[in-house]
Protein backbone atom coordinates (compact mmCIF):
# COMPACT_ATOMS: atom_id res chain seq x y z
CA MET A 1 -0.89 -81.26 17.96
CA SER A 2 -3.83 -80.30 15.65
CA ALA A 3 -5.12 -76.95 14.48
CA GLY A 4 -7.86 -75.35 16.62
CA LYS A 5 -10.87 -73.41 15.56
CA ASN A 6 -9.06 -70.12 16.17
CA GLY A 7 -6.14 -70.97 13.92
CA GLY A 8 -4.00 -72.18 16.90
CA TYR A 9 -3.63 -75.71 18.22
CA ASN A 10 -5.75 -77.82 20.56
CA VAL A 11 -4.08 -77.84 23.93
CA ASP A 12 -5.74 -81.04 25.02
CA GLU A 13 -4.76 -83.02 21.95
CA GLY A 14 -1.20 -81.76 21.74
CA GLY A 15 -0.50 -82.03 25.44
CA TYR A 16 0.59 -78.36 25.64
CA SER A 17 0.05 -76.53 28.83
CA GLU A 18 -1.93 -73.31 28.83
CA SER A 19 1.23 -71.23 29.21
CA GLU A 20 2.88 -73.07 26.32
CA TYR A 21 -0.18 -72.46 24.15
CA GLN A 22 -0.20 -68.75 24.91
CA GLN A 23 3.45 -68.51 24.06
CA LEU A 24 2.93 -70.28 20.75
CA GLN A 25 -0.06 -68.01 20.00
CA LYS A 26 2.05 -64.91 20.56
CA MET A 27 4.79 -66.31 18.33
CA TYR A 28 2.15 -66.96 15.57
CA GLU A 29 0.65 -63.48 15.80
CA SER A 30 4.07 -61.87 15.74
CA THR A 31 4.52 -63.26 12.27
CA MET A 32 1.47 -61.24 11.07
CA GLY A 33 2.03 -57.70 9.79
CA SER A 34 0.26 -54.70 11.23
CA ILE A 35 -3.06 -54.64 9.33
CA THR A 36 -5.66 -51.82 9.54
CA ALA A 37 -9.17 -51.83 8.09
CA GLN A 38 -10.17 -49.33 5.28
CA GLU A 39 -6.76 -49.54 3.62
CA ILE A 40 -5.28 -51.05 0.50
CA VAL A 41 -3.13 -54.12 1.32
CA LYS A 42 -1.19 -56.63 -0.74
CA GLY A 43 -2.19 -60.26 -0.82
CA ARG A 44 -1.53 -63.56 -2.62
CA VAL A 45 -4.05 -65.62 -4.52
CA VAL A 46 -4.27 -69.01 -2.80
CA HIS A 47 -7.32 -70.48 -4.49
CA ILE A 48 -9.56 -69.75 -7.50
CA SER A 49 -13.02 -71.31 -7.80
CA ASP A 50 -15.92 -70.69 -10.12
CA ASP A 51 -17.41 -68.16 -7.70
CA HIS A 52 -14.65 -66.79 -5.52
CA VAL A 53 -10.99 -65.95 -5.29
CA VAL A 54 -9.34 -66.70 -1.94
CA VAL A 55 -6.61 -64.22 -0.99
CA ASP A 56 -4.05 -64.45 1.82
CA ILE A 57 -3.02 -61.02 3.10
CA GLY A 58 -0.76 -62.44 5.86
CA PHE A 59 -3.49 -62.33 8.46
CA LYS A 60 -4.59 -65.16 10.74
CA SER A 61 -7.45 -65.89 8.29
CA GLU A 62 -7.88 -65.62 4.53
CA GLY A 63 -10.42 -63.50 2.63
CA SER A 64 -12.83 -64.49 -0.15
CA ILE A 65 -13.66 -62.11 -3.06
CA SER A 66 -16.34 -62.65 -5.73
CA VAL A 67 -14.93 -63.36 -9.19
CA THR A 68 -17.20 -60.52 -10.53
CA GLU A 69 -14.71 -58.04 -9.05
CA PHE A 70 -11.94 -59.32 -11.33
CA PRO A 71 -12.40 -58.17 -14.94
CA ASN A 72 -9.30 -60.20 -15.92
CA ILE A 73 -10.14 -63.36 -13.98
CA LYS A 74 -9.07 -65.58 -16.89
CA ASP A 75 -5.53 -64.24 -16.68
CA MET A 76 -5.16 -64.82 -12.94
CA LYS A 77 -3.50 -67.86 -11.32
CA VAL A 78 -2.71 -69.12 -7.85
CA GLY A 79 0.31 -67.37 -6.39
CA ASP A 80 -0.32 -63.99 -8.10
CA GLU A 81 0.22 -60.99 -5.86
CA ILE A 82 -2.61 -58.42 -6.02
CA GLU A 83 -3.84 -55.33 -4.21
CA VAL A 84 -7.11 -55.55 -2.32
CA PHE A 85 -9.04 -53.22 -0.05
CA LEU A 86 -9.50 -54.38 3.53
CA GLU A 87 -13.00 -53.29 4.37
CA SER A 88 -13.20 -55.15 7.69
CA VAL A 89 -10.81 -57.32 9.71
CA GLU A 90 -13.60 -59.56 10.83
CA ASN A 91 -17.23 -59.89 9.87
CA LYS A 92 -19.95 -61.60 11.92
CA ASP A 93 -18.55 -64.97 10.85
CA GLY A 94 -15.05 -63.98 11.98
CA GLN A 95 -13.76 -63.68 8.39
CA LEU A 96 -11.85 -60.96 6.57
CA VAL A 97 -13.89 -58.69 4.25
CA LEU A 98 -11.85 -57.83 1.14
CA SER A 99 -12.65 -56.00 -2.13
CA ARG A 100 -10.69 -55.92 -5.33
CA LYS A 101 -13.10 -53.43 -6.93
CA ARG A 102 -12.77 -51.00 -4.04
CA ALA A 103 -8.99 -51.20 -4.22
CA ASP A 104 -9.09 -50.29 -7.91
CA PHE A 105 -11.45 -47.40 -7.12
CA MET A 106 -9.20 -46.06 -4.38
CA ARG A 107 -6.19 -46.05 -6.68
CA ILE A 108 -8.24 -44.10 -9.27
CA TRP A 109 -9.56 -41.77 -6.58
CA GLU A 110 -6.01 -41.03 -5.43
CA ARG A 111 -5.07 -40.17 -9.02
CA VAL A 112 -8.10 -37.90 -9.44
CA VAL A 113 -7.43 -36.11 -6.15
CA ARG A 114 -3.82 -35.61 -7.15
CA SER A 115 -4.93 -34.17 -10.52
CA HIS A 116 -7.23 -31.77 -8.72
CA THR A 117 -4.39 -30.63 -6.50
CA THR A 118 -1.79 -30.26 -9.25
CA GLY A 119 -4.14 -29.06 -12.00
CA GLU A 120 -2.82 -31.64 -14.46
CA LEU A 121 -5.06 -32.65 -17.38
CA VAL A 122 -6.97 -35.93 -17.33
CA ARG A 123 -8.33 -37.84 -20.27
CA GLY A 124 -11.86 -39.18 -20.14
CA ARG A 125 -14.72 -40.40 -22.28
CA CYS A 126 -18.27 -39.07 -22.27
CA VAL A 127 -20.45 -42.12 -21.68
CA ARG A 128 -24.03 -40.94 -21.16
CA ARG A 129 -26.34 -38.02 -20.57
CA THR A 130 -27.56 -37.04 -17.15
CA LYS A 131 -29.60 -34.21 -15.76
CA GLY A 132 -27.78 -30.97 -16.49
CA GLY A 133 -24.80 -32.47 -18.29
CA LEU A 134 -22.82 -35.61 -19.08
CA VAL A 135 -21.23 -38.50 -17.20
CA VAL A 136 -17.52 -38.87 -17.95
CA ASP A 137 -15.52 -42.07 -17.44
CA LEU A 138 -12.22 -41.15 -15.77
CA PHE A 139 -10.10 -44.34 -15.57
CA GLY A 140 -13.30 -46.21 -14.62
CA LEU A 141 -14.63 -43.55 -12.19
CA ASP A 142 -17.84 -41.66 -13.05
CA ALA A 143 -17.33 -37.89 -13.06
CA PHE A 144 -19.91 -35.17 -13.75
CA LEU A 145 -19.44 -32.73 -16.63
CA PRO A 146 -22.00 -29.88 -16.33
CA GLY A 147 -23.49 -28.64 -19.60
CA SER A 148 -22.10 -25.18 -18.92
CA GLN A 149 -18.57 -26.63 -18.67
CA ILE A 150 -18.50 -28.41 -22.02
CA ASP A 151 -17.63 -25.45 -24.22
CA VAL A 152 -17.50 -21.65 -24.23
CA ARG A 153 -20.40 -21.72 -26.69
CA PRO A 154 -23.82 -22.87 -25.54
CA VAL A 155 -24.24 -26.58 -26.24
CA ARG A 156 -27.65 -27.45 -27.66
CA ASP A 157 -27.04 -31.13 -28.46
CA PHE A 158 -25.37 -33.09 -25.65
CA ASP A 159 -25.81 -36.40 -27.46
CA LYS A 160 -23.17 -35.58 -30.07
CA TYR A 161 -20.50 -35.76 -27.32
CA ILE A 162 -21.41 -39.28 -26.15
CA GLY A 163 -18.55 -41.67 -26.89
CA GLU A 164 -16.10 -38.82 -27.50
CA GLU A 165 -12.74 -38.74 -25.64
CA MET A 166 -11.66 -35.33 -24.37
CA ASP A 167 -9.20 -33.68 -22.03
CA PHE A 168 -10.56 -32.35 -18.76
CA ARG A 169 -9.50 -30.54 -15.67
CA VAL A 170 -10.81 -31.69 -12.29
CA VAL A 171 -12.49 -28.61 -10.80
CA LYS A 172 -14.19 -30.08 -7.74
CA VAL A 173 -13.75 -33.14 -5.47
CA ASN A 174 -16.22 -34.06 -2.78
CA HIS A 175 -14.52 -36.56 -0.45
CA PRO A 176 -17.50 -37.60 1.71
CA SER A 177 -19.70 -38.42 -1.28
CA GLU A 178 -16.78 -39.31 -3.57
CA ASN A 179 -18.16 -37.07 -6.33
CA VAL A 180 -15.96 -35.48 -9.00
CA VAL A 181 -16.79 -32.51 -11.26
CA VAL A 182 -14.71 -31.90 -14.39
CA SER A 183 -14.55 -29.12 -17.00
CA HIS A 184 -13.54 -28.99 -20.62
CA LYS A 185 -14.53 -25.35 -20.96
CA VAL A 186 -11.60 -24.09 -18.86
CA LEU A 187 -9.19 -25.70 -21.32
CA VAL A 188 -10.98 -24.05 -24.25
CA GLU A 189 -10.88 -20.70 -22.46
CA GLU A 190 -7.15 -21.02 -21.86
CA GLU A 191 -6.60 -21.80 -25.50
CA LEU A 192 -8.87 -18.94 -26.59
CA ALA A 193 -7.06 -16.51 -24.31
CA THR A 194 -3.87 -17.25 -26.21
CA GLN A 195 -5.67 -16.95 -29.54
CA ARG A 196 -7.43 -13.76 -28.41
CA LYS A 197 -4.14 -12.11 -27.58
CA ALA A 198 -2.67 -13.12 -30.92
CA ILE A 199 -5.76 -11.91 -32.82
CA LEU A 200 -5.96 -8.54 -31.07
CA GLU A 201 -2.26 -7.90 -31.65
CA LYS A 202 -2.69 -8.36 -35.39
CA LEU A 203 -6.21 -6.90 -35.77
CA GLU A 204 -6.58 -4.06 -38.28
CA LYS A 205 -9.23 -2.52 -40.51
CA GLY A 206 -9.83 -4.36 -43.75
CA GLN A 207 -8.61 -7.67 -42.38
CA ILE A 208 -10.66 -10.67 -43.51
CA LEU A 209 -11.30 -13.33 -40.86
CA GLU A 210 -13.25 -16.53 -40.44
CA GLY A 211 -15.59 -17.06 -37.52
CA HIS A 212 -18.87 -18.63 -36.52
CA ALA A 213 -22.20 -17.08 -35.58
CA LYS A 214 -22.25 -17.14 -31.80
CA ALA A 215 -25.49 -15.25 -31.18
CA ILE A 216 -28.22 -13.65 -33.30
CA THR A 217 -30.15 -10.59 -32.14
CA ASP A 218 -32.65 -8.23 -33.76
CA PHE A 219 -29.88 -5.73 -34.50
CA GLY A 220 -27.15 -8.05 -35.77
CA VAL A 221 -24.96 -11.14 -35.41
CA PHE A 222 -22.18 -11.69 -32.89
CA VAL A 223 -19.34 -13.61 -34.55
CA ASP A 224 -16.74 -15.58 -32.58
CA LEU A 225 -13.39 -15.00 -34.25
CA GLY A 226 -11.63 -17.56 -32.05
CA GLY A 227 -11.83 -16.10 -28.58
CA VAL A 228 -12.78 -12.58 -29.68
CA ASP A 229 -16.34 -11.55 -30.50
CA GLY A 230 -17.25 -8.99 -33.14
CA LEU A 231 -20.62 -7.60 -34.24
CA VAL A 232 -21.98 -7.62 -37.76
CA HIS A 233 -24.75 -5.00 -37.66
CA ILE A 234 -27.92 -5.88 -39.55
CA THR A 235 -27.12 -3.16 -42.10
CA ASP A 236 -23.75 -4.79 -42.86
CA LEU A 237 -25.08 -8.32 -43.43
CA SER A 238 -26.27 -7.84 -46.99
CA TRP A 239 -26.56 -5.18 -49.66
CA GLY A 240 -30.24 -6.14 -49.80
CA ARG A 241 -33.08 -5.46 -47.39
CA VAL A 242 -32.86 -7.62 -44.22
CA ASN A 243 -35.84 -7.78 -41.86
CA HIS A 244 -34.03 -10.01 -39.36
CA PRO A 245 -30.42 -11.29 -39.28
CA SER A 246 -31.64 -14.91 -39.16
CA GLU A 247 -32.66 -14.48 -42.81
CA VAL A 248 -28.96 -14.28 -43.74
CA VAL A 249 -27.05 -16.21 -41.05
CA LYS A 250 -27.87 -19.32 -39.02
CA LEU A 251 -26.63 -20.01 -35.51
CA ASP A 252 -23.16 -21.68 -35.43
CA GLN A 253 -22.73 -21.06 -39.17
CA THR A 254 -19.15 -20.46 -40.31
CA VAL A 255 -18.86 -17.06 -41.98
CA ASN A 256 -16.20 -14.84 -43.53
CA VAL A 257 -16.14 -11.26 -42.28
CA VAL A 258 -14.10 -8.11 -42.78
CA VAL A 259 -12.99 -5.82 -39.94
CA LEU A 260 -14.69 -2.45 -40.40
CA ASP A 261 -13.57 -0.82 -37.17
CA TYR A 262 -11.80 -1.71 -33.92
CA ASP A 263 -12.00 0.20 -30.64
CA ALA A 264 -9.01 -1.08 -28.66
CA GLU A 265 -10.06 0.79 -25.54
CA LYS A 266 -13.59 -0.63 -25.43
CA LYS A 267 -12.51 -3.84 -27.16
CA ARG A 268 -15.32 -3.49 -29.70
CA ILE A 269 -14.93 -4.97 -33.14
CA SER A 270 -17.28 -3.93 -35.95
CA LEU A 271 -17.48 -6.48 -38.74
CA GLY A 272 -19.08 -6.61 -42.16
CA MET A 273 -20.19 -9.34 -44.52
CA LYS A 274 -21.70 -7.44 -47.44
CA GLN A 275 -18.40 -5.59 -47.92
CA LEU A 276 -16.86 -8.85 -49.17
CA LEU A 277 -19.25 -8.73 -52.15
CA PRO A 278 -19.23 -6.23 -55.05
CA HIS A 279 -21.54 -3.24 -54.56
CA PRO A 280 -24.69 -4.01 -56.55
CA TRP A 281 -24.98 -0.42 -57.86
CA GLU A 282 -21.72 -0.72 -59.79
CA ASN A 283 -22.47 -0.72 -63.52
CA ILE A 284 -26.16 -0.19 -62.71
CA HIS A 285 -26.78 1.73 -65.95
CA THR A 286 -25.39 -1.17 -67.94
CA LYS A 287 -27.37 -3.80 -66.06
CA TYR A 288 -30.68 -1.93 -65.90
CA PRO A 289 -30.98 0.80 -68.55
CA VAL A 290 -34.21 2.83 -68.68
CA GLY A 291 -36.93 0.83 -70.40
CA THR A 292 -35.69 -2.55 -69.15
CA LYS A 293 -38.37 -4.98 -68.03
CA ILE A 294 -37.55 -6.51 -64.64
CA ASN A 295 -39.06 -9.13 -62.34
CA GLY A 296 -38.77 -8.45 -58.61
CA LYS A 297 -40.26 -9.08 -55.19
CA VAL A 298 -42.45 -6.60 -53.31
CA VAL A 299 -40.56 -5.94 -50.06
CA SER A 300 -42.36 -2.90 -48.64
CA LEU A 301 -45.68 -1.09 -48.98
CA THR A 302 -46.25 2.57 -48.16
CA ASP A 303 -49.19 4.93 -48.66
CA TYR A 304 -47.56 6.30 -51.81
CA GLY A 305 -46.30 3.12 -53.47
CA ALA A 306 -44.50 -0.24 -53.35
CA PHE A 307 -40.78 -0.96 -53.08
CA VAL A 308 -39.61 -3.83 -55.28
CA GLU A 309 -36.34 -5.73 -54.78
CA ILE A 310 -34.82 -6.24 -58.21
CA GLU A 311 -31.80 -8.04 -56.74
CA LYS A 312 -30.04 -7.97 -53.37
CA GLY A 313 -29.20 -4.34 -52.65
CA ILE A 314 -31.18 -2.89 -55.55
CA GLU A 315 -34.73 -1.70 -54.97
CA GLY A 316 -37.06 0.43 -57.02
CA LEU A 317 -40.27 2.31 -56.20
CA ILE A 318 -43.52 1.91 -58.07
CA HIS A 319 -45.56 5.01 -57.24
CA ILE A 320 -49.31 4.42 -57.04
CA SER A 321 -49.70 6.73 -60.03
CA GLU A 322 -47.60 4.27 -62.09
CA MET A 323 -49.61 1.16 -61.21
CA SER A 324 -52.59 1.55 -63.53
CA TRP A 325 -53.68 3.69 -66.44
CA THR A 326 -57.31 3.57 -65.39
CA GLN A 327 -57.83 2.40 -61.80
CA HIS A 328 -58.14 4.95 -58.99
CA ILE A 329 -55.60 3.48 -56.59
CA LYS A 330 -55.65 4.85 -53.04
CA HIS A 331 -53.18 2.30 -51.62
CA PRO A 332 -50.73 -0.07 -53.37
CA SER A 333 -52.26 -3.06 -51.54
CA GLN A 334 -55.16 -2.78 -54.01
CA VAL A 335 -52.78 -3.99 -56.72
CA VAL A 336 -49.82 -5.83 -55.11
CA SER A 337 -49.04 -7.69 -51.87
CA MET A 338 -45.94 -8.25 -49.74
CA GLY A 339 -43.65 -10.95 -51.11
CA GLN A 340 -45.37 -11.03 -54.51
CA MET A 341 -43.19 -11.38 -57.60
CA ILE A 342 -44.16 -8.79 -60.20
CA ASP A 343 -43.01 -7.41 -63.55
CA ALA A 344 -42.21 -3.72 -64.02
CA ILE A 345 -40.42 -1.30 -66.33
CA ILE A 346 -37.40 0.88 -65.40
CA LEU A 347 -38.67 4.46 -65.79
CA SER A 348 -35.71 6.39 -64.37
CA LEU A 349 -32.44 5.69 -62.55
CA ASP A 350 -30.44 7.87 -60.16
CA LYS A 351 -27.13 6.15 -59.38
CA GLU A 352 -25.87 8.81 -56.97
CA GLY A 353 -29.11 8.93 -55.01
CA LYS A 354 -29.53 5.16 -55.42
CA LYS A 355 -33.10 5.59 -56.61
CA ILE A 356 -34.95 3.68 -59.30
CA SER A 357 -38.46 4.57 -60.47
CA LEU A 358 -40.52 1.66 -61.76
CA GLY A 359 -43.81 1.42 -63.57
CA MET A 360 -46.39 -1.32 -63.95
CA LYS A 361 -48.95 0.38 -66.15
CA GLN A 362 -46.29 0.83 -68.85
CA LEU A 363 -46.50 -2.92 -69.49
CA GLU A 364 -49.89 -2.23 -71.13
CA PRO A 365 -50.86 0.24 -73.89
CA ASP A 366 -52.02 3.66 -72.64
CA PRO A 367 -55.81 3.74 -73.14
CA TRP A 368 -55.75 7.55 -73.15
CA THR A 369 -54.08 7.52 -76.55
CA THR A 370 -57.31 6.16 -78.09
CA LEU A 371 -59.70 7.98 -75.76
CA MET A 372 -60.45 10.73 -78.29
CA GLN A 373 -61.73 8.12 -80.71
CA LYS A 374 -64.01 6.59 -78.10
CA TYR A 375 -65.18 9.87 -76.54
CA PRO A 376 -65.17 12.60 -79.22
CA ILE A 377 -66.01 16.19 -78.26
CA GLY A 378 -69.76 16.71 -78.16
CA SER A 379 -70.62 13.02 -77.78
CA ARG A 380 -73.22 12.11 -75.18
CA HIS A 381 -72.76 9.39 -72.54
CA THR A 382 -74.23 8.08 -69.31
CA GLY A 383 -71.89 7.63 -66.35
CA SER A 384 -71.96 6.92 -62.61
CA VAL A 385 -71.44 9.67 -60.05
CA ARG A 386 -68.24 8.52 -58.32
CA ASN A 387 -67.47 11.50 -56.10
CA LEU A 388 -68.84 14.91 -55.11
CA THR A 389 -66.72 17.95 -54.31
CA ASN A 390 -67.47 21.62 -53.63
CA PHE A 391 -66.51 22.47 -57.19
CA GLY A 392 -68.23 19.69 -59.11
CA VAL A 393 -69.09 16.05 -59.79
CA PHE A 394 -66.70 13.28 -60.87
CA VAL A 395 -68.48 10.95 -63.26
CA GLU A 396 -67.04 7.54 -64.20
CA LEU A 397 -67.56 6.87 -67.90
CA GLU A 398 -65.96 3.41 -67.69
CA GLU A 399 -63.68 1.67 -65.22
CA GLY A 400 -60.79 4.02 -64.55
CA VAL A 401 -62.01 6.79 -66.89
CA ASP A 402 -63.48 9.78 -65.03
CA GLY A 403 -64.59 13.20 -66.10
CA LEU A 404 -65.52 16.31 -64.15
CA VAL A 405 -68.80 18.16 -64.42
CA HIS A 406 -68.05 21.59 -62.94
CA ILE A 407 -70.75 22.94 -60.65
CA SER A 408 -71.42 25.72 -63.15
CA ASP A 409 -72.18 23.12 -65.82
CA LEU A 410 -74.87 21.28 -63.87
CA SER A 411 -77.78 23.65 -64.57
CA TRP A 412 -78.60 26.58 -66.82
CA THR A 413 -81.14 28.02 -64.41
CA LYS A 414 -80.36 27.03 -60.79
CA LYS A 415 -77.88 28.71 -58.48
CA ILE A 416 -76.32 25.52 -57.01
CA ARG A 417 -74.29 25.90 -53.84
CA HIS A 418 -73.13 22.23 -53.76
CA PRO A 419 -73.51 19.39 -56.32
CA GLY A 420 -75.27 17.33 -53.63
CA GLU A 421 -78.34 19.49 -54.22
CA VAL A 422 -78.67 17.95 -57.69
CA VAL A 423 -77.13 14.43 -57.60
CA LYS A 424 -75.97 11.80 -55.14
CA LYS A 425 -73.03 9.42 -55.19
CA GLY A 426 -73.88 6.35 -57.26
CA ASP A 427 -76.52 8.12 -59.37
CA LYS A 428 -76.54 7.73 -63.13
CA LEU A 429 -75.94 11.05 -64.89
CA ASP A 430 -76.20 11.97 -68.55
CA VAL A 431 -73.25 14.05 -69.72
CA ILE A 432 -71.67 15.51 -72.82
CA ILE A 433 -67.93 15.60 -73.61
CA LEU A 434 -66.75 19.22 -73.51
CA SER A 435 -62.96 18.69 -73.78
CA ILE A 436 -60.21 16.08 -73.29
CA ASP A 437 -56.65 16.84 -72.13
CA VAL A 438 -54.69 13.62 -72.84
CA GLU A 439 -51.45 14.98 -71.40
CA GLN A 440 -53.04 16.01 -68.09
CA ARG A 441 -55.51 13.08 -68.28
CA ARG A 442 -58.52 15.30 -67.73
CA ILE A 443 -61.98 15.10 -69.24
CA SER A 444 -64.37 18.05 -68.91
CA LEU A 445 -68.01 17.07 -68.94
CA GLY A 446 -71.23 19.05 -69.09
CA HIS A 447 -74.74 18.21 -67.95
CA LYS A 448 -76.64 21.39 -68.68
CA GLN A 449 -75.27 21.36 -72.24
CA LEU A 450 -77.57 18.40 -73.00
CA GLN A 451 -80.30 21.07 -73.28
CA ASP A 452 -80.37 24.27 -75.29
CA ASN A 453 -79.36 27.44 -73.51
CA PRO A 454 -82.69 28.92 -72.27
CA TRP A 455 -81.22 32.37 -71.62
CA ASP A 456 -82.02 33.46 -75.16
CA GLY A 457 -85.66 33.04 -74.29
CA PHE A 458 -85.23 34.55 -70.83
CA GLU A 459 -83.97 37.74 -72.45
CA ASN A 460 -87.44 38.46 -73.82
CA ALA A 461 -89.37 37.09 -70.84
CA TYR A 462 -87.52 39.05 -68.20
CA LYS A 463 -86.76 42.43 -69.63
CA VAL A 464 -86.02 45.19 -67.14
CA GLY A 465 -89.30 46.53 -65.77
CA THR A 466 -91.20 43.26 -66.18
CA ASP A 467 -93.43 42.42 -63.19
CA VAL A 468 -93.48 38.76 -62.09
CA GLU A 469 -94.63 36.62 -59.20
CA ALA A 470 -91.78 34.45 -57.78
CA LYS A 471 -91.40 31.92 -54.99
CA ILE A 472 -88.69 32.22 -52.32
CA VAL A 473 -86.44 29.14 -52.47
CA ARG A 474 -83.57 30.18 -50.21
CA ILE A 475 -82.65 32.90 -47.72
CA ILE A 476 -79.06 34.17 -47.93
CA GLU A 477 -77.18 36.89 -46.07
CA LYS A 478 -77.50 39.43 -48.90
CA GLY A 479 -81.11 38.76 -49.76
CA VAL A 480 -83.32 35.98 -51.09
CA ILE A 481 -83.13 33.60 -54.02
CA VAL A 482 -86.43 33.20 -55.86
CA GLU A 483 -87.66 30.85 -58.55
CA LEU A 484 -89.27 32.60 -61.54
CA PRO A 485 -92.10 31.10 -63.60
CA LEU A 486 -89.85 29.62 -66.31
CA GLY A 487 -87.83 27.72 -63.68
CA VAL A 488 -84.91 30.12 -63.57
CA ASP A 489 -83.57 31.54 -60.31
CA GLY A 490 -83.41 35.25 -59.59
CA PHE A 491 -81.96 37.34 -56.81
CA VAL A 492 -83.64 39.99 -54.66
CA PRO A 493 -81.11 42.10 -52.69
CA ILE A 494 -82.05 42.91 -49.10
CA SER A 495 -82.11 46.63 -50.01
CA GLN A 496 -84.91 45.87 -52.46
CA LEU A 497 -87.06 44.13 -49.88
CA SER A 498 -87.35 47.01 -47.42
CA GLN A 499 -86.64 50.73 -47.40
CA THR A 500 -85.20 50.40 -43.85
CA PRO A 501 -82.53 47.93 -42.72
CA VAL A 502 -83.80 44.47 -41.79
CA LYS A 503 -82.10 43.03 -38.67
CA ASN A 504 -82.86 39.40 -39.42
CA ILE A 505 -84.12 38.71 -42.87
CA ALA A 506 -85.16 35.16 -41.95
CA ASP A 507 -87.73 36.57 -39.49
CA SER A 508 -89.52 38.47 -42.26
CA PHE A 509 -89.24 36.21 -45.27
CA LYS A 510 -89.76 32.43 -45.48
CA PRO A 511 -88.91 29.83 -48.16
CA GLY A 512 -91.97 28.92 -50.21
CA GLU A 513 -93.52 32.39 -49.81
CA ALA A 514 -94.66 34.20 -52.99
CA LEU A 515 -93.43 37.72 -53.75
CA GLN A 516 -94.55 40.26 -56.30
CA LEU A 517 -91.38 41.57 -57.94
CA SER A 518 -90.13 43.69 -60.77
CA VAL A 519 -87.02 42.90 -62.89
CA ILE A 520 -84.39 45.60 -62.36
CA GLU A 521 -81.38 43.86 -64.02
CA PHE A 522 -80.89 41.12 -66.64
CA ASP A 523 -77.37 39.82 -67.45
CA LYS A 524 -77.44 37.17 -70.18
CA GLU A 525 -73.70 36.52 -70.16
CA GLY A 526 -73.48 36.38 -66.38
CA LYS A 527 -76.78 34.46 -66.26
CA LYS A 528 -78.12 36.78 -63.62
CA ILE A 529 -81.58 38.25 -63.00
CA VAL A 530 -81.97 40.84 -60.22
CA LEU A 531 -85.46 41.75 -58.97
CA SER A 532 -87.00 44.26 -56.55
CA ALA A 533 -90.10 44.22 -54.35
CA LEU A 534 -89.87 47.99 -53.78
CA GLU A 535 -89.72 48.63 -57.53
CA TYR A 536 -92.86 46.59 -57.92
CA LEU A 537 -94.59 48.74 -55.24
CA ARG A 538 -93.47 51.98 -56.87
CA GLY A 539 -96.58 53.88 -57.94
CA LYS A 540 -98.96 51.40 -56.33
CA GLU A 541 -101.63 52.29 -53.76
CA GLN A 542 -100.56 52.93 -50.14
CA LYS A 543 -102.76 50.02 -49.02
CA LEU A 544 -100.68 47.63 -51.08
CA VAL A 545 -97.55 49.01 -49.43
CA ASP A 546 -99.13 48.67 -45.97
CA ASP A 547 -100.17 45.05 -46.64
CA TYR A 548 -96.64 44.21 -47.78
CA VAL A 549 -95.12 45.82 -44.66
CA ALA A 550 -97.60 44.07 -42.33
CA SER A 551 -97.19 40.61 -43.87
CA HIS A 552 -93.40 40.76 -43.51
CA LYS A 553 -93.24 42.61 -40.16
CA LEU A 554 -91.24 45.44 -41.66
CA THR A 555 -90.81 49.02 -40.46
CA PRO A 556 -93.76 51.08 -41.82
CA MET A 557 -92.99 53.07 -44.96
CA THR A 558 -94.85 55.48 -47.18
CA MET A 559 -95.06 55.65 -50.91
CA LYS A 560 -92.62 58.50 -50.73
CA ASP A 561 -90.14 56.18 -49.02
CA VAL A 562 -90.63 53.71 -51.82
CA LEU A 563 -90.15 56.29 -54.49
CA THR A 564 -86.93 57.64 -52.96
CA THR A 565 -85.30 54.17 -52.53
CA PRO A 566 -82.43 53.97 -55.04
CA LEU A 567 -81.82 50.92 -57.22
CA PRO A 568 -78.80 48.71 -56.29
CA SER A 569 -75.54 49.62 -57.99
CA ASP A 570 -73.67 46.31 -57.72
CA GLU A 571 -75.22 43.71 -55.46
CA SER A 572 -74.84 40.04 -56.13
CA ALA A 573 -76.22 36.78 -54.79
CA ASN A 574 -72.83 35.10 -55.02
């Protein structure tokens, strides 16, 4: 009897009848266990070659498995009992399909599924990065660790976790695709919950704690105290000026903080950092007495001056008036810039108000102390017209040294309404020093004083009753201003132009027109000459009166009207 191709015996060769063969076949199959595909079964190694391992699982045929599925192939020997996965009872060649690798996977899968069900911790190793997280090796099975499940804090560098062993909890199992999702964050959260409870139970004002910067905003820094977050407001980061919290604290930096306040109901914790340092204004008078020269940084510019940080928490103000002895500073940016390191002098110190006044010009000698030597009273100079105002002209004698020519000191003879009638900005102007007030830093200048006072001569030329011909230079509400032959201005009141009221003086009299007038008042001290057209006509022929009335479109008047017109009592051109 010899073995047949189906594992039985050849009926023809052995002389068995068909019935005997069937009986033997049944006896042979009865020795085989009940084997089902897609299960883990036990088998015995019957042969090991360079390429394959032959395993007998007690079936009618043996299975062959590639040696690549055995990581410990060198330690195996014929007769060893191993677990294999029966993928198929029979392939197209009628052979068993076995897998050692799949059997190992299934055992791991069973362990993972059990961990998911029971919630027990599993240990794994982060092996590589993948989209959105990391791949974790769990007993040889690849599991996915999402980036959001690594830690309670945002993770910015996944690579630092590669190669690190950690505890995980299986949070999701997908049986059809055999995918596993794990989390380390849930373990951290559980630990933090315990820590949070312990921290909150012991939390009190004044307590000093260690934490790390969890988040940085424009208004402050959120600090993780170990499961509990507190806020360090920007004003509590430093005694000095802070434009943004990132100037003081970096993300994830370990910091020491003090509890300033705790609202148990809202679970809000206010923290401080600067409170752990001495207040910079302590012993301020000893550190920075008045007159001390300091070096600081410009930290703020305003329209009225610059704030200088002397040290963290101590700032002083340099007012624009204290920046230069001579320059006309309209804005501090003309002298200093943000961030610039500058020298200054302590001028005054108010500890209670936390105010320090600084000066820059005090670093140089005050030029006004020697100004009297350079510009003695009565000395003549030429300056540049720097500015015009309603009351006078500011003349720059040298850079930063100005004097004022009052409008009344521009001309002996002209009635000037605005300095712009005489000079323009940028013009050169000859002046004389009238007075210097060093304390108030004021220089009074004169322009008309460069010439002799002509009013001594006018006193003889324009006695009361003198007849003159004058030219109208300006029409005003109260009358007309005229220029007399010697270049001096005089005033003709409206009552001395016509015996009857004039509705609109500008309709009857025009600038540039000549008038025959008579002086009715001369005031040398007040530098005033008042004239009258009617006084001139007094005693003249009626024809002269008629011509005057006709040329100026006035109401007709007789010589009697002229004679009865009173002289003005107190009329002025001003």
